[in-house]
Amino acid sequence: MLTKERLFYLLDKVEQNRIIHVKELAKELNVSESTIRRDLAELEESGKLRRIRGGAIKSSGGDIVTDHKEILMQDRMRIHYDLKERICKKAAALVKDGECVFIDGGTTLVPLMEYLQDRPVRIVTHNYLAVAKLKNPKALVTVIGGEYMSRYDMGGGTMAAADLEQFQFDHAFIGCAGIDSTTGIAYTTEMETREMKKIAMENSAHSYLLIDHSKMQVHGFCKFSPLVAFDYVITDENDLETEYTENFLIAE
């Protein structure tokens, strides 16, 4: 297994189990314990976990995610993809034939394109990862351009915002960097994606936030919306330690 593959594996493990142990991981991956320790040190340095004696734990829920700490979008595609599919399947069921939907940037939203592309709907998106999933779609798809944001694999900037302003949506499906269920706020990592989200929500009859459990109790750099502004916050896991508002929808 290559170093990069091990790092993804360790990230996935710590997301699932909250705590991971060096000895167990070394046996699972058939590498030395010193190799695992080096991998954990690298992940800790980039803010993705915190080392403890004999292993590591998930970073504190109070961590602030910035664009410097975010994992590159192409890399994030491999993390929790099955959960993202479950969330998007639940979201797609809210759309009726003939409606117009906005698909936001981010890897959580990518499977939504797969669920909707063969239906008679109109899709508007600036998410190029989602566009890459298109295969002779039945849906009418409009791709928002503007400046190419390579870190996020999406279109942004003033031209993209101006184009997005022209549409009226039945449903806007939004992603984020993290939420704080105590303050009831959703966060993003920087201002350009924040503007696109706000425009889409303002121009939509219904708005939904799609997140997997790794986004719980994680702050981003920018506040962009209270959670109560969404018709539903659709997520994959019912965390008994979290007090959810009434608009949380669990994708079973």
Protein backbone atom coordinates (compact mmCIF):
# COMPACT_ATOMS: atom_id res chain seq x y z
CA MET A 1 0.00 0.00 0.00
CA LEU A 2 1.34 3.42 -0.98
CA THR A 3 1.83 6.16 1.62
CA LYS A 4 -1.07 8.20 0.25
CA GLU A 5 -3.37 5.18 0.40
CA ARG A 6 -2.35 4.52 4.02
CA LEU A 7 -3.15 8.12 4.95
CA PHE A 8 -6.64 7.82 3.46
CA TYR A 9 -7.11 4.53 5.29
CA LEU A 10 -6.06 6.07 8.62
CA LEU A 11 -8.35 9.06 8.10
CA ASP A 12 -11.28 6.78 7.35
CA LYS A 13 -10.51 4.65 10.42
CA VAL A 14 -10.35 7.58 12.81
CA GLU A 15 -13.58 9.02 11.37
CA GLN A 16 -15.38 5.71 11.91
CA ASN A 17 -13.92 4.72 15.28
CA ARG A 18 -12.94 8.09 16.83
CA ILE A 19 -9.78 6.39 18.19
CA ILE A 20 -7.15 4.23 16.45
CA HIS A 21 -4.22 2.20 17.81
CA VAL A 22 -0.74 1.91 16.32
CA LYS A 23 -0.27 -1.82 17.04
CA GLU A 24 -3.60 -2.80 15.47
CA LEU A 25 -3.03 -0.65 12.39
CA ALA A 26 0.47 -2.02 11.85
CA LYS A 27 -0.94 -5.57 11.82
CA GLU A 28 -3.87 -4.65 9.56
CA LEU A 29 -1.65 -2.94 7.00
CA ASN A 30 1.34 -5.24 7.38
CA VAL A 31 3.78 -2.40 8.04
CA SER A 32 6.01 -1.44 10.97
CA GLU A 33 4.69 0.51 13.94
CA SER A 34 7.23 3.24 13.19
CA THR A 35 5.66 3.66 9.73
CA ILE A 36 2.22 4.14 11.29
CA ARG A 37 3.64 6.65 13.78
CA ARG A 38 5.17 8.67 10.94
CA ASP A 39 1.85 8.64 9.10
CA LEU A 40 -0.01 9.80 12.20
CA ALA A 41 2.53 12.56 12.76
CA GLU A 42 1.97 13.80 9.20
CA LEU A 43 -1.81 13.79 9.65
CA GLU A 44 -1.53 15.58 13.00
CA GLU A 45 0.68 18.27 11.47
CA SER A 46 -2.01 18.98 8.85
CA GLY A 47 -4.68 19.16 11.56
CA LYS A 48 -6.62 16.06 10.57
CA LEU A 49 -6.26 14.12 13.86
CA ARG A 50 -4.55 14.31 17.27
CA ARG A 51 -1.99 11.79 18.44
CA ILE A 52 -2.26 10.17 21.85
CA ARG A 53 -0.12 7.53 23.57
CA GLY A 54 -0.30 4.39 21.43
CA GLY A 55 -2.51 5.84 18.72
CA ALA A 56 -4.60 8.84 17.71
CA ILE A 57 -8.06 10.33 18.05
CA LYS A 58 -10.28 12.44 15.84
CA SER A 59 -9.50 16.14 16.06
CA SER A 60 -11.53 18.08 18.58
CA GLY A 61 -14.99 19.06 17.42
CA GLY A 62 -14.07 22.66 18.17
CA ASP A 63 -11.43 22.72 15.43
CA ILE A 64 -11.76 25.38 12.77
CA VAL A 65 -11.44 24.12 9.21
CA THR A 66 -9.75 26.60 6.87
CA ASP A 67 -8.91 26.27 3.21
CA HIS A 68 -5.35 25.39 4.27
CA LYS A 69 -6.52 22.45 6.40
CA GLU A 70 -9.12 21.14 3.97
CA ILE A 71 -8.26 17.92 2.15
CA LEU A 72 -8.17 18.44 -1.61
CA MET A 73 -11.51 17.64 -3.24
CA GLN A 74 -10.21 14.82 -5.41
CA ASP A 75 -8.79 13.22 -2.26
CA ARG A 76 -12.01 13.70 -0.27
CA MET A 77 -13.94 11.71 -2.86
CA ARG A 78 -12.59 8.52 -1.34
CA ILE A 79 -13.68 9.30 2.22
CA HIS A 80 -17.16 8.12 3.33
CA TYR A 81 -18.41 7.89 -0.26
CA ASP A 82 -20.94 5.22 0.69
CA LEU A 83 -22.42 7.57 3.29
CA LYS A 84 -22.57 10.41 0.77
CA GLU A 85 -24.48 8.12 -1.59
CA ARG A 86 -26.99 7.32 1.15
CA ILE A 87 -27.47 11.03 1.94
CA CYS A 88 -27.89 11.96 -1.72
CA LYS A 89 -30.37 9.15 -2.37
CA LYS A 90 -32.52 10.58 0.43
CA ALA A 91 -32.15 14.08 -1.02
CA ALA A 92 -33.00 12.99 -4.58
CA ALA A 93 -36.30 11.56 -3.36
CA LEU A 94 -37.42 15.12 -2.53
CA VAL A 95 -37.22 16.17 -6.19
CA LYS A 96 -40.21 15.79 -8.52
CA ASP A 97 -39.99 15.40 -12.29
CA GLY A 98 -39.99 18.74 -14.11
CA GLU A 99 -38.34 20.67 -11.26
CA CYS A 100 -35.18 22.78 -11.31
CA VAL A 101 -32.43 22.05 -8.78
CA PHE A 102 -29.09 23.56 -7.78
CA ILE A 103 -26.22 21.26 -6.83
CA ASP A 104 -23.55 22.99 -4.74
CA GLY A 105 -19.83 22.27 -4.77
CA GLY A 106 -18.16 19.64 -2.60
CA THR A 107 -17.82 15.87 -2.67
CA THR A 108 -20.91 15.21 -0.54
CA LEU A 109 -23.10 16.48 -3.38
CA VAL A 110 -21.43 14.46 -6.16
CA PRO A 111 -23.65 11.32 -5.90
CA LEU A 112 -26.73 13.53 -6.23
CA MET A 113 -25.86 14.08 -9.88
CA GLU A 114 -25.85 10.31 -10.42
CA TYR A 115 -29.31 9.96 -8.85
CA LEU A 116 -30.84 12.86 -10.84
CA GLN A 117 -29.16 12.78 -14.25
CA ASP A 118 -31.54 10.20 -15.75
CA ARG A 119 -34.68 12.03 -14.65
CA PRO A 120 -36.62 14.77 -16.52
CA VAL A 121 -35.36 17.63 -14.35
CA ARG A 122 -33.19 20.71 -14.84
CA ILE A 123 -29.89 20.80 -12.95
CA VAL A 124 -27.69 23.87 -12.41
CA THR A 125 -24.28 23.40 -10.81
CA HIS A 126 -20.79 24.83 -10.44
CA ASN A 127 -19.51 21.48 -9.10
CA TYR A 128 -17.15 20.07 -11.72
CA LEU A 129 -16.71 16.81 -9.83
CA ALA A 130 -20.46 16.26 -10.19
CA VAL A 131 -20.36 17.23 -13.88
CA ALA A 132 -17.71 14.56 -14.43
CA LYS A 133 -20.31 11.93 -13.41
CA LEU A 134 -22.58 12.75 -16.36
CA LYS A 135 -23.20 9.95 -18.87
CA ASN A 136 -25.71 10.84 -21.60
CA PRO A 137 -28.06 12.50 -19.11
CA LYS A 138 -31.80 12.76 -19.58
CA ALA A 139 -31.72 15.83 -17.32
CA LEU A 140 -31.04 19.26 -18.81
CA VAL A 141 -27.79 20.37 -17.16
CA THR A 142 -26.43 23.93 -16.97
CA VAL A 143 -22.84 24.33 -15.79
CA ILE A 144 -21.93 27.62 -14.10
CA GLY A 145 -18.51 28.89 -15.19
CA GLY A 146 -16.59 31.85 -13.85
CA GLU A 147 -13.14 31.45 -12.33
CA TYR A 148 -11.91 27.88 -11.95
CA MET A 149 -11.21 27.19 -8.26
CA SER A 150 -8.79 24.30 -8.61
CA ARG A 151 -8.63 23.54 -4.88
CA TYR A 152 -12.37 22.89 -4.81
CA ASP A 153 -12.89 21.79 -8.43
CA MET A 154 -15.72 24.26 -9.00
CA GLY A 155 -16.55 27.58 -10.61
CA GLY A 156 -16.62 30.75 -8.53
CA GLY A 157 -16.02 34.49 -8.51
CA THR A 158 -18.12 37.43 -9.65
CA MET A 159 -18.98 36.00 -13.08
CA ALA A 160 -20.22 32.73 -11.57
CA ALA A 161 -22.27 34.62 -8.97
CA ALA A 162 -23.83 36.82 -11.67
CA ASP A 163 -24.77 33.76 -13.74
CA LEU A 164 -26.29 32.01 -10.73
CA GLU A 165 -28.45 35.06 -9.96
CA GLN A 166 -30.39 34.44 -13.19
CA PHE A 167 -31.97 31.19 -12.00
CA GLN A 168 -34.96 30.35 -9.84
CA PHE A 169 -34.84 26.91 -8.21
CA ASP A 170 -37.35 24.54 -6.72
CA HIS A 171 -34.61 22.93 -4.62
CA ALA A 172 -31.09 24.04 -3.64
CA PHE A 173 -28.82 21.31 -2.26
CA ILE A 174 -25.98 22.86 -0.29
CA GLY A 175 -22.74 21.53 1.21
CA CYS A 176 -20.54 22.99 3.94
CA ALA A 177 -17.26 22.61 5.82
CA GLY A 178 -18.96 21.94 9.16
CA ILE A 179 -21.80 22.74 11.53
CA ASP A 180 -22.17 23.60 15.19
CA SER A 181 -25.43 22.13 16.48
CA THR A 182 -25.12 24.13 19.74
CA THR A 183 -25.10 27.55 18.07
CA GLY A 184 -27.08 26.26 15.09
CA ILE A 185 -24.67 27.62 12.48
CA ALA A 186 -23.28 26.17 9.23
CA TYR A 187 -19.77 27.14 8.14
CA THR A 188 -17.75 27.26 4.96
CA THR A 189 -14.01 27.77 4.46
CA GLU A 190 -13.89 31.03 2.51
CA MET A 191 -15.98 33.86 1.08
CA GLU A 192 -16.36 32.89 -2.59
CA THR A 193 -18.19 29.61 -1.97
CA ARG A 194 -20.19 31.34 0.78
CA GLU A 195 -21.57 33.81 -1.77
CA MET A 196 -22.64 31.06 -4.17
CA LYS A 197 -24.47 29.20 -1.42
CA LYS A 198 -26.32 32.33 -0.27
CA ILE A 199 -27.43 33.23 -3.81
CA ALA A 200 -28.72 29.72 -4.47
CA MET A 201 -30.66 29.65 -1.19
CA GLU A 202 -32.19 33.07 -1.76
CA ASN A 203 -33.32 32.02 -5.26
CA SER A 204 -34.82 28.68 -4.22
CA ALA A 205 -38.21 27.67 -2.91
CA HIS A 206 -36.58 24.98 -0.75
CA SER A 207 -33.04 24.59 0.58
CA TYR A 208 -31.31 21.57 2.09
CA LEU A 209 -27.93 21.09 3.77
CA LEU A 210 -26.23 17.74 3.05
CA ILE A 211 -23.53 16.60 5.50
CA ASP A 212 -22.02 13.36 6.71
CA HIS A 213 -21.26 12.88 10.42
CA SER A 214 -17.63 14.03 10.06
CA LYS A 215 -18.93 17.60 9.60
CA MET A 216 -20.65 17.62 13.00
CA GLN A 217 -19.29 20.10 15.56
CA VAL A 218 -16.67 21.42 13.12
CA HIS A 219 -16.30 25.17 12.57
CA GLY A 220 -15.28 26.69 9.27
CA PHE A 221 -13.69 30.06 8.62
CA CYS A 222 -16.95 31.76 7.55
CA LYS A 223 -20.48 31.54 8.91
CA PHE A 224 -22.96 31.33 6.06
CA SER A 225 -26.34 30.21 7.40
CA PRO A 226 -28.30 29.23 10.50
CA LEU A 227 -29.38 25.60 10.35
CA VAL A 228 -33.03 26.61 10.75
CA ALA A 229 -32.87 28.30 7.33
CA PHE A 230 -32.89 24.87 5.68
CA ASP A 231 -36.01 22.81 5.07
CA TYR A 232 -33.92 19.80 6.07
CA VAL A 233 -30.38 19.10 7.22
CA ILE A 234 -29.82 15.64 5.73
CA THR A 235 -27.15 13.51 7.39
CA ASP A 236 -26.20 9.87 7.74
CA GLU A 237 -25.99 9.29 11.48
CA ASN A 238 -28.14 9.90 14.51
CA ASP A 239 -25.56 10.85 17.14
CA LEU A 240 -27.16 10.36 20.56
CA GLU A 241 -24.82 12.98 22.05
CA THR A 242 -26.06 15.68 19.67
CA GLU A 243 -29.27 17.64 20.16
CA TYR A 244 -30.81 17.95 16.71
CA THR A 245 -33.28 20.58 15.63
CA GLU A 246 -36.58 19.41 14.16
CA ASN A 247 -35.40 19.88 10.59
CA PHE A 248 -32.70 17.15 10.79
CA LEU A 249 -33.44 14.24 8.47
CA ILE A 250 -31.48 11.00 8.95
CA ALA A 251 -30.72 9.00 5.81
CA GLU A 252 -31.14 5.40 6.97
